[in-house]
Amino acid sequence: MLFLAKLCGILTLVWFYMTAKNHGGPLINWSVIGLIGYWLTWWLSKMLIVVPLAGMVTQHSVTEFLITQLPVLVGLAACYLIRKKLIASLPAAEQ
C-alpha cells in the first residue's frame, strides 16, 4: 500500500526540480523542500487521520484502502501550496 506514497515522493522530487528549472530557482533546494514537505505532511496526516480511523473500518475493505491513501492526497495538496509559495517568493524578473 505504500507504493503510491513512494511513487508520489519520487514524482514530487521531479515536479519541484522541473519547476525550479523552469522558473530559475535553486534546483536542489527546491527539490529537497518539496520532498521534506511531502513526507512530513504524509507522516503527520497518517498519524492524525489514518491511525484513529483504522479501528473504525473492517479489515480488508475498500474503505480501509481509501483511508490509508488519504495521507498521499494530503501530502500532494501540501506540495501544491509549497510550490505555489516558492514560485511567489521569486523576484518578478525570474518568474
PDB file of N, CA and C in Angstrom:
ATOM      1  N   MET A   1       0.806  -1.198   0.000  1.00  0.00           N
ATOM      2  CA  MET A   1       0.000   0.000   0.000  1.00  0.00           C
ATOM      3  C   MET A   1       0.852   1.266   0.000  1.00  0.00           C
ATOM      4  N   LEU A   2       2.080   1.159   0.393  1.00  0.00           N
ATOM      5  CA  LEU A   2       2.935   2.326   0.420  1.00  0.00           C
ATOM      6  C   LEU A   2       3.556   2.619  -0.938  1.00  0.00           C
ATOM      7  N   PHE A   3       3.250   1.791  -1.928  1.00  0.00           N
ATOM      8  CA  PHE A   3       3.798   2.002  -3.260  1.00  0.00           C
ATOM      9  C   PHE A   3       3.382   3.367  -3.809  1.00  0.00           C
ATOM     10  N   LEU A   4       2.116   3.727  -3.626  1.00  0.00           N
ATOM     11  CA  LEU A   4       1.630   5.007  -4.114  1.00  0.00           C
ATOM     12  C   LEU A   4       2.330   6.166  -3.404  1.00  0.00           C
ATOM     13  N   ALA A   5       2.567   6.029  -2.112  1.00  0.00           N
ATOM     14  CA  ALA A   5       3.254   7.079  -1.345  1.00  0.00           C
ATOM     15  C   ALA A   5       4.694   7.244  -1.833  1.00  0.00           C
ATOM     16  N   LYS A   6       5.380   6.151  -2.079  1.00  0.00           N
ATOM     17  CA  LYS A   6       6.759   6.220  -2.571  1.00  0.00           C
ATOM     18  C   LYS A   6       6.811   6.802  -3.979  1.00  0.00           C
ATOM     19  N   LEU A   7       5.897   6.383  -4.828  1.00  0.00           N
ATOM     20  CA  LEU A   7       5.840   6.894  -6.190  1.00  0.00           C
ATOM     21  C   LEU A   7       5.580   8.396  -6.186  1.00  0.00           C
ATOM     22  N   CYS A   8       4.665   8.847  -5.362  1.00  0.00           N
ATOM     23  CA  CYS A   8       4.373  10.283  -5.281  1.00  0.00           C
ATOM     24  C   CYS A   8       5.556  11.047  -4.702  1.00  0.00           C
ATOM     25  N   GLY A   9       6.323  10.447  -3.806  1.00  0.00           N
ATOM     26  CA  GLY A   9       7.529  11.086  -3.285  1.00  0.00           C
ATOM     27  C   GLY A   9       8.552  11.317  -4.380  1.00  0.00           C
ATOM     28  N   ILE A  10       8.748  10.328  -5.218  1.00  0.00           N
ATOM     29  CA  ILE A  10       9.690  10.458  -6.333  1.00  0.00           C
ATOM     30  C   ILE A  10       9.180  11.476  -7.347  1.00  0.00           C
ATOM     31  N   LEU A  11       7.886  11.433  -7.638  1.00  0.00           N
ATOM     32  CA  LEU A  11       7.314  12.390  -8.583  1.00  0.00           C
ATOM     33  C   LEU A  11       7.352  13.813  -8.032  1.00  0.00           C
ATOM     34  N   THR A  12       7.278  13.959  -6.719  1.00  0.00           N
ATOM     35  CA  THR A  12       7.396  15.275  -6.095  1.00  0.00           C
ATOM     36  C   THR A  12       8.791  15.841  -6.316  1.00  0.00           C
ATOM     37  N   LEU A  13       9.806  14.988  -6.170  1.00  0.00           N
ATOM     38  CA  LEU A  13      11.174  15.430  -6.461  1.00  0.00           C
ATOM     39  C   LEU A  13      11.293  15.950  -7.889  1.00  0.00           C
ATOM     40  N   VAL A  14      10.778  15.207  -8.838  1.00  0.00           N
ATOM     41  CA  VAL A  14      10.851  15.590 -10.245  1.00  0.00           C
ATOM     42  C   VAL A  14      10.049  16.868 -10.486  1.00  0.00           C
ATOM     43  N   TRP A  15       8.866  16.950  -9.887  1.00  0.00           N
ATOM     44  CA  TRP A  15       7.985  18.108 -10.061  1.00  0.00           C
ATOM     45  C   TRP A  15       8.661  19.392  -9.573  1.00  0.00           C
ATOM     46  N   PHE A  16       9.247  19.337  -8.379  1.00  0.00           N
ATOM     47  CA  PHE A  16       9.903  20.518  -7.828  1.00  0.00           C
ATOM     48  C   PHE A  16      11.191  20.842  -8.589  1.00  0.00           C
ATOM     49  N   TYR A  17      11.910  19.837  -9.039  1.00  0.00           N
ATOM     50  CA  TYR A  17      13.122  20.063  -9.828  1.00  0.00           C
ATOM     51  C   TYR A  17      12.777  20.770 -11.138  1.00  0.00           C
ATOM     52  N   MET A  18      11.763  20.276 -11.822  1.00  0.00           N
ATOM     53  CA  MET A  18      11.371  20.869 -13.095  1.00  0.00           C
ATOM     54  C   MET A  18      10.812  22.284 -12.899  1.00  0.00           C
ATOM     55  N   THR A  19      10.080  22.502 -11.824  1.00  0.00           N
ATOM     56  CA  THR A  19       9.560  23.836 -11.541  1.00  0.00           C
ATOM     57  C   THR A  19      10.702  24.803 -11.289  1.00  0.00           C
ATOM     58  N   ALA A  20      11.698  24.377 -10.510  1.00  0.00           N
ATOM     59  CA  ALA A  20      12.849  25.236 -10.242  1.00  0.00           C
ATOM     60  C   ALA A  20      13.616  25.524 -11.530  1.00  0.00           C
ATOM     61  N   LYS A  21      13.740  24.525 -12.367  1.00  0.00           N
ATOM     62  CA  LYS A  21      14.447  24.695 -13.635  1.00  0.00           C
ATOM     63  C   LYS A  21      13.712  25.679 -14.543  1.00  0.00           C
ATOM     64  N   ASN A  22      12.405  25.587 -14.600  1.00  0.00           N
ATOM     65  CA  ASN A  22      11.606  26.466 -15.462  1.00  0.00           C
ATOM     66  C   ASN A  22      11.544  27.906 -14.954  1.00  0.00           C
ATOM     67  N   HIS A  23      11.601  28.073 -13.630  1.00  0.00           N
ATOM     68  CA  HIS A  23      11.453  29.408 -13.051  1.00  0.00           C
ATOM     69  C   HIS A  23      12.780  30.013 -12.603  1.00  0.00           C
ATOM     70  N   GLY A  24      13.876  29.307 -12.791  1.00  0.00           N
ATOM     71  CA  GLY A  24      15.180  29.838 -12.443  1.00  0.00           C
ATOM     72  C   GLY A  24      15.492  29.816 -10.957  1.00  0.00           C
ATOM     73  N   GLY A  25      14.891  28.904 -10.235  1.00  0.00           N
ATOM     74  CA  GLY A  25      15.164  28.776  -8.805  1.00  0.00           C
ATOM     75  C   GLY A  25      16.287  27.785  -8.547  1.00  0.00           C
ATOM     76  N   PRO A  26      16.732  27.684  -7.294  1.00  0.00           N
ATOM     77  CA  PRO A  26      17.775  26.706  -6.957  1.00  0.00           C
ATOM     78  C   PRO A  26      17.227  25.277  -7.039  1.00  0.00           C
ATOM     79  N   LEU A  27      17.811  24.473  -7.894  1.00  0.00           N
ATOM     80  CA  LEU A  27      17.270  23.146  -8.218  1.00  0.00           C
ATOM     81  C   LEU A  27      17.225  22.211  -7.015  1.00  0.00           C
ATOM     82  N   ILE A  28      18.371  22.019  -6.366  1.00  0.00           N
ATOM     83  CA  ILE A  28      18.450  21.060  -5.264  1.00  0.00           C
ATOM     84  C   ILE A  28      17.635  21.540  -4.073  1.00  0.00           C
ATOM     85  N   ASN A  29      17.709  22.829  -3.772  1.00  0.00           N
ATOM     86  CA  ASN A  29      16.975  23.366  -2.623  1.00  0.00           C
ATOM     87  C   ASN A  29      15.476  23.139  -2.769  1.00  0.00           C
ATOM     88  N   TRP A  30      14.939  23.458  -3.930  1.00  0.00           N
ATOM     89  CA  TRP A  30      13.503  23.294  -4.138  1.00  0.00           C
ATOM     90  C   TRP A  30      13.107  21.818  -4.105  1.00  0.00           C
ATOM     91  N   SER A  31      13.941  20.966  -4.668  1.00  0.00           N
ATOM     92  CA  SER A  31      13.631  19.530  -4.659  1.00  0.00           C
ATOM     93  C   SER A  31      13.589  18.991  -3.242  1.00  0.00           C
ATOM     94  N   VAL A  32      14.557  19.379  -2.422  1.00  0.00           N
ATOM     95  CA  VAL A  32      14.604  18.911  -1.032  1.00  0.00           C
ATOM     96  C   VAL A  32      13.437  19.489  -0.239  1.00  0.00           C
ATOM     97  N   ILE A  33      13.120  20.757  -0.436  1.00  0.00           N
ATOM     98  CA  ILE A  33      11.992  21.377   0.255  1.00  0.00           C
ATOM     99  C   ILE A  33      10.694  20.647  -0.101  1.00  0.00           C
ATOM    100  N   GLY A  34      10.503  20.345  -1.369  1.00  0.00           N
ATOM    101  CA  GLY A  34       9.298  19.627  -1.795  1.00  0.00           C
ATOM    102  C   GLY A  34       9.213  18.239  -1.204  1.00  0.00           C
ATOM    103  N   LEU A  35      10.328  17.516  -1.203  1.00  0.00           N
ATOM    104  CA  LEU A  35      10.325  16.154  -0.667  1.00  0.00           C
ATOM    105  C   LEU A  35      10.081  16.149   0.838  1.00  0.00           C
ATOM    106  N   ILE A  36      10.753  17.044   1.560  1.00  0.00           N
ATOM    107  CA  ILE A  36      10.549  17.116   3.009  1.00  0.00           C
ATOM    108  C   ILE A  36       9.113  17.534   3.323  1.00  0.00           C
ATOM    109  N   GLY A  37       8.601  18.499   2.563  1.00  0.00           N
ATOM    110  CA  GLY A  37       7.211  18.921   2.765  1.00  0.00           C
ATOM    111  C   GLY A  37       6.234  17.784   2.536  1.00  0.00           C
ATOM    112  N   TYR A  38       6.473  17.001   1.490  1.00  0.00           N
ATOM    113  CA  TYR A  38       5.589  15.864   1.202  1.00  0.00           C
ATOM    114  C   TYR A  38       5.656  14.817   2.309  1.00  0.00           C
ATOM    115  N   TRP A  39       6.859  14.374   2.666  1.00  0.00           N
ATOM    116  CA  TRP A  39       6.978  13.295   3.637  1.00  0.00           C
ATOM    117  C   TRP A  39       6.537  13.709   5.032  1.00  0.00           C
ATOM    118  N   LEU A  40       6.816  14.942   5.417  1.00  0.00           N
ATOM    119  CA  LEU A  40       6.384  15.425   6.720  1.00  0.00           C
ATOM    120  C   LEU A  40       4.861  15.494   6.792  1.00  0.00           C
ATOM    121  N   THR A  41       4.255  16.024   5.753  1.00  0.00           N
ATOM    122  CA  THR A  41       2.792  16.093   5.708  1.00  0.00           C
ATOM    123  C   THR A  41       2.191  14.697   5.632  1.00  0.00           C
ATOM    124  N   TRP A  42       2.808  13.813   4.874  1.00  0.00           N
ATOM    125  CA  TRP A  42       2.310  12.442   4.770  1.00  0.00           C
ATOM    126  C   TRP A  42       2.342  11.769   6.139  1.00  0.00           C
ATOM    127  N   TRP A  43       3.462  11.916   6.834  1.00  0.00           N
ATOM    128  CA  TRP A  43       3.602  11.269   8.139  1.00  0.00           C
ATOM    129  C   TRP A  43       2.615  11.848   9.149  1.00  0.00           C
ATOM    130  N   LEU A  44       2.494  13.166   9.202  1.00  0.00           N
ATOM    131  CA  LEU A  44       1.561  13.793  10.143  1.00  0.00           C
ATOM    132  C   LEU A  44       0.117  13.401   9.862  1.00  0.00           C
ATOM    133  N   SER A  45      -0.276  13.390   8.601  1.00  0.00           N
ATOM    134  CA  SER A  45      -1.645  13.012   8.278  1.00  0.00           C
ATOM    135  C   SER A  45      -1.887  11.530   8.543  1.00  0.00           C
ATOM    136  N   LYS A  46      -0.863  10.718   8.395  1.00  0.00           N
ATOM    137  CA  LYS A  46      -1.016   9.298   8.725  1.00  0.00           C
ATOM    138  C   LYS A  46      -1.264   9.128  10.217  1.00  0.00           C
ATOM    139  N   MET A  47      -0.493   9.856  11.035  1.00  0.00           N
ATOM    140  CA  MET A  47      -0.652   9.741  12.488  1.00  0.00           C
ATOM    141  C   MET A  47      -1.957  10.376  12.975  1.00  0.00           C
ATOM    142  N   LEU A  48      -2.382  11.448  12.343  1.00  0.00           N
ATOM    143  CA  LEU A  48      -3.560  12.172  12.824  1.00  0.00           C
ATOM    144  C   LEU A  48      -4.876  11.721  12.186  1.00  0.00           C
ATOM    145  N   ILE A  49      -4.815  11.121  11.004  1.00  0.00           N
ATOM    146  CA  ILE A  49      -6.051  10.717  10.314  1.00  0.00           C
ATOM    147  C   ILE A  49      -6.200   9.201  10.257  1.00  0.00           C
ATOM    148  N   VAL A  50      -5.180   8.528   9.743  1.00  0.00           N
ATOM    149  CA  VAL A  50      -5.303   7.096   9.471  1.00  0.00           C
ATOM    150  C   VAL A  50      -5.341   6.270  10.744  1.00  0.00           C
ATOM    151  N   VAL A  51      -4.434   6.543  11.657  1.00  0.00           N
ATOM    152  CA  VAL A  51      -4.370   5.730  12.881  1.00  0.00           C
ATOM    153  C   VAL A  51      -5.681   5.785  13.670  1.00  0.00           C
ATOM    154  N   PRO A  52      -6.270   6.974  13.905  1.00  0.00           N
ATOM    155  CA  PRO A  52      -7.552   6.970  14.631  1.00  0.00           C
ATOM    156  C   PRO A  52      -8.699   6.322  13.861  1.00  0.00           C
ATOM    157  N   LEU A  53      -8.701   6.446  12.529  1.00  0.00           N
ATOM    158  CA  LEU A  53      -9.805   5.897  11.742  1.00  0.00           C
ATOM    159  C   LEU A  53      -9.631   4.412  11.407  1.00  0.00           C
ATOM    160  N   ALA A  54      -8.434   3.882  11.571  1.00  0.00           N
ATOM    161  CA  ALA A  54      -8.180   2.491  11.161  1.00  0.00           C
ATOM    162  C   ALA A  54      -9.012   1.495  11.951  1.00  0.00           C
ATOM    163  N   GLY A  55      -9.236   1.754  13.209  1.00  0.00           N
ATOM    164  CA  GLY A  55     -10.029   0.818  14.015  1.00  0.00           C
ATOM    165  C   GLY A  55     -11.512   0.878  13.745  1.00  0.00           C
ATOM    166  N   MET A  56     -11.956   1.883  13.035  1.00  0.00           N
ATOM    167  CA  MET A  56     -13.386   2.054  12.782  1.00  0.00           C
ATOM    168  C   MET A  56     -13.884   1.296  11.557  1.00  0.00           C
ATOM    169  N   VAL A  57     -12.980   0.824  10.714  1.00  0.00           N
ATOM    170  CA  VAL A  57     -13.391   0.123   9.498  1.00  0.00           C
ATOM    171  C   VAL A  57     -12.976  -1.345   9.601  1.00  0.00           C
ATOM    172  N   THR A  58     -13.631  -2.174   8.828  1.00  0.00           N
ATOM    173  CA  THR A  58     -13.318  -3.597   8.841  1.00  0.00           C
ATOM    174  C   THR A  58     -12.018  -3.857   8.095  1.00  0.00           C
ATOM    175  N   GLN A  59     -11.351  -4.931   8.432  1.00  0.00           N
ATOM    176  CA  GLN A  59     -10.114  -5.310   7.759  1.00  0.00           C
ATOM    177  C   GLN A  59     -10.407  -5.742   6.321  1.00  0.00           C
ATOM    178  N   HIS A  60      -9.483  -5.437   5.428  1.00  0.00           N
ATOM    179  CA  HIS A  60      -9.537  -5.836   4.014  1.00  0.00           C
ATOM    180  C   HIS A  60     -10.766  -5.287   3.299  1.00  0.00           C
ATOM    181  N   SER A  61     -11.107  -4.063   3.561  1.00  0.00           N
ATOM    182  CA  SER A  61     -12.241  -3.469   2.864  1.00  0.00           C
ATOM    183  C   SER A  61     -11.751  -2.334   1.968  1.00  0.00           C
ATOM    184  N   VAL A  62     -12.613  -1.916   1.088  1.00  0.00           N
ATOM    185  CA  VAL A  62     -12.293  -0.809   0.192  1.00  0.00           C
ATOM    186  C   VAL A  62     -12.135   0.474   1.003  1.00  0.00           C
ATOM    187  N   THR A  63     -12.944   0.626   2.032  1.00  0.00           N
ATOM    188  CA  THR A  63     -12.851   1.810   2.883  1.00  0.00           C
ATOM    189  C   THR A  63     -11.499   1.892   3.559  1.00  0.00           C
ATOM    190  N   GLU A  64     -10.981   0.771   4.018  1.00  0.00           N
ATOM    191  CA  GLU A  64      -9.660   0.759   4.640  1.00  0.00           C
ATOM    192  C   GLU A  64      -8.592   1.189   3.637  1.00  0.00           C
ATOM    193  N   PHE A  65      -8.686   0.721   2.411  1.00  0.00           N
ATOM    194  CA  PHE A  65      -7.734   1.106   1.377  1.00  0.00           C
ATOM    195  C   PHE A  65      -7.797   2.607   1.117  1.00  0.00           C
ATOM    196  N   LEU A  66      -8.999   3.145   1.004  1.00  0.00           N
ATOM    197  CA  LEU A  66      -9.151   4.566   0.732  1.00  0.00           C
ATOM    198  C   LEU A  66      -8.632   5.419   1.886  1.00  0.00           C
ATOM    199  N   ILE A  67      -8.868   4.980   3.112  1.00  0.00           N
ATOM    200  CA  ILE A  67      -8.392   5.728   4.276  1.00  0.00           C
ATOM    201  C   ILE A  67      -6.869   5.721   4.321  1.00  0.00           C
ATOM    202  N   THR A  68      -6.252   4.608   3.970  1.00  0.00           N
ATOM    203  CA  THR A  68      -4.790   4.550   4.005  1.00  0.00           C
ATOM    204  C   THR A  68      -4.149   5.380   2.892  1.00  0.00           C
ATOM    205  N   GLN A  69      -4.921   5.763   1.874  1.00  0.00           N
ATOM    206  CA  GLN A  69      -4.384   6.597   0.796  1.00  0.00           C
ATOM    207  C   GLN A  69      -4.607   8.089   1.043  1.00  0.00           C
ATOM    208  N   LEU A  70      -5.345   8.449   2.081  1.00  0.00           N
ATOM    209  CA  LEU A  70      -5.574   9.853   2.394  1.00  0.00           C
ATOM    210  C   LEU A  70      -4.289  10.643   2.631  1.00  0.00           C
ATOM    211  N   PRO A  71      -3.283  10.091   3.331  1.00  0.00           N
ATOM    212  CA  PRO A  71      -2.056  10.870   3.512  1.00  0.00           C
ATOM    213  C   PRO A  71      -1.370  11.263   2.206  1.00  0.00           C
ATOM    214  N   VAL A  72      -1.505  10.462   1.184  1.00  0.00           N
ATOM    215  CA  VAL A  72      -0.914  10.799  -0.115  1.00  0.00           C
ATOM    216  C   VAL A  72      -1.598  12.041  -0.682  1.00  0.00           C
ATOM    217  N   LEU A  73      -2.912  12.081  -0.609  1.00  0.00           N
ATOM    218  CA  LEU A  73      -3.647  13.234  -1.117  1.00  0.00           C
ATOM    219  C   LEU A  73      -3.343  14.492  -0.309  1.00  0.00           C
ATOM    220  N   VAL A  74      -3.252  14.350   0.998  1.00  0.00           N
ATOM    221  CA  VAL A  74      -2.924  15.496   1.853  1.00  0.00           C
ATOM    222  C   VAL A  74      -1.503  15.970   1.562  1.00  0.00           C
ATOM    223  N   GLY A  75      -0.573  15.041   1.377  1.00  0.00           N
ATOM    224  CA  GLY A  75       0.807  15.393   1.054  1.00  0.00           C
ATOM    225  C   GLY A  75       0.920  16.118  -0.274  1.00  0.00           C
ATOM    226  N   LEU A  76       0.190  15.662  -1.274  1.00  0.00           N
ATOM    227  CA  LEU A  76       0.220  16.321  -2.578  1.00  0.00           C
ATOM    228  C   LEU A  76      -0.411  17.707  -2.520  1.00  0.00           C
ATOM    229  N   ALA A  77      -1.461  17.861  -1.726  1.00  0.00           N
ATOM    230  CA  ALA A  77      -2.070  19.177  -1.558  1.00  0.00           C
ATOM    231  C   ALA A  77      -1.088  20.140  -0.886  1.00  0.00           C
ATOM    232  N   ALA A  78      -0.364  19.646   0.107  1.00  0.00           N
ATOM    233  CA  ALA A  78       0.642  20.477   0.768  1.00  0.00           C
ATOM    234  C   ALA A  78       1.757  20.845  -0.205  1.00  0.00           C
ATOM    235  N   CYS A  79       2.165  19.912  -1.048  1.00  0.00           N
ATOM    236  CA  CYS A  79       3.203  20.197  -2.039  1.00  0.00           C
ATOM    237  C   CYS A  79       2.746  21.255  -3.026  1.00  0.00           C
ATOM    238  N   TYR A  80       1.503  21.213  -3.414  1.00  0.00           N
ATOM    239  CA  TYR A  80       0.972  22.229  -4.314  1.00  0.00           C
ATOM    240  C   TYR A  80       1.089  23.615  -3.684  1.00  0.00           C
ATOM    241  N   LEU A  81       0.716  23.724  -2.416  1.00  0.00           N
ATOM    242  CA  LEU A  81       0.795  25.005  -1.719  1.00  0.00           C
ATOM    243  C   LEU A  81       2.249  25.451  -1.507  1.00  0.00           C
ATOM    244  N   ILE A  82       3.126  24.501  -1.195  1.00  0.00           N
ATOM    245  CA  ILE A  82       4.549  24.822  -1.027  1.00  0.00           C
ATOM    246  C   ILE A  82       5.132  25.319  -2.344  1.00  0.00           C
ATOM    247  N   ARG A  83       4.815  24.643  -3.427  1.00  0.00           N
ATOM    248  CA  ARG A  83       5.309  25.044  -4.748  1.00  0.00           C
ATOM    249  C   ARG A  83       4.810  26.429  -5.113  1.00  0.00           C
ATOM    250  N   LYS A  84       3.539  26.681  -4.832  1.00  0.00           N
ATOM    251  CA  LYS A  84       2.961  27.986  -5.120  1.00  0.00           C
ATOM    252  C   LYS A  84       3.684  29.084  -4.332  1.00  0.00           C
ATOM    253  N   LYS A  85       4.017  28.817  -3.074  1.00  0.00           N
ATOM    254  CA  LYS A  85       4.728  29.774  -2.237  1.00  0.00           C
ATOM    255  C   LYS A  85       6.157  29.996  -2.754  1.00  0.00           C
ATOM    256  N   LEU A  86       6.834  28.934  -3.181  1.00  0.00           N
ATOM    257  CA  LEU A  86       8.188  29.072  -3.707  1.00  0.00           C
ATOM    258  C   LEU A  86       8.201  29.906  -4.985  1.00  0.00           C
ATOM    259  N   ILE A  87       7.240  29.691  -5.853  1.00  0.00           N
ATOM    260  CA  ILE A  87       7.172  30.465  -7.089  1.00  0.00           C
ATOM    261  C   ILE A  87       6.881  31.927  -6.772  1.00  0.00           C
ATOM    262  N   ALA A  88       5.988  32.172  -5.807  1.00  0.00           N
ATOM    263  CA  ALA A  88       5.636  33.553  -5.444  1.00  0.00           C
ATOM    264  C   ALA A  88       6.805  34.278  -4.782  1.00  0.00           C
ATOM    265  N   SER A  89       7.724  33.532  -4.160  1.00  0.00           N
ATOM    266  CA  SER A  89       8.825  34.172  -3.465  1.00  0.00           C
ATOM    267  C   SER A  89       9.973  34.574  -4.404  1.00  0.00           C
ATOM    268  N   LEU A  90       9.909  34.155  -5.646  1.00  0.00           N
ATOM    269  CA  LEU A  90      10.928  34.554  -6.628  1.00  0.00           C
ATOM    270  C   LEU A  90      10.758  36.027  -6.990  1.00  0.00           C
ATOM    271  N   PRO A  91      11.858  36.704  -7.306  1.00  0.00           N
ATOM    272  CA  PRO A  91      11.728  38.075  -7.818  1.00  0.00           C
ATOM    273  C   PRO A  91      10.914  38.083  -9.113  1.00  0.00           C
ATOM    274  N   ALA A  92      10.242  39.183  -9.396  1.00  0.00           N
ATOM    275  CA  ALA A  92       9.329  39.276 -10.544  1.00  0.00           C
ATOM    276  C   ALA A  92      10.059  39.032 -11.870  1.00  0.00           C
ATOM    277  N   ALA A  93      11.317  39.398 -11.987  1.00  0.00           N
ATOM    278  CA  ALA A  93      12.041  39.218 -13.248  1.00  0.00           C
ATOM    279  C   ALA A  93      12.314  37.749 -13.562  1.00  0.00           C
ATOM    280  N   GLU A  94      12.399  36.887 -12.509  1.00  0.00           N
ATOM    281  CA  GLU A  94      12.727  35.485 -12.722  1.00  0.00           C
ATOM    282  C   GLU A  94      11.499  34.621 -12.974  1.00  0.00           C
ATOM    283  N   GLN A  95      10.320  35.104 -12.695  1.00  0.00           N
ATOM    284  CA  GLN A  95       9.114  34.307 -12.878  1.00  0.00           C
ATOM    285  C   GLN A  95       8.801  34.216 -14.343  1.00  0.00           C
TER     286      GLN A  95
END
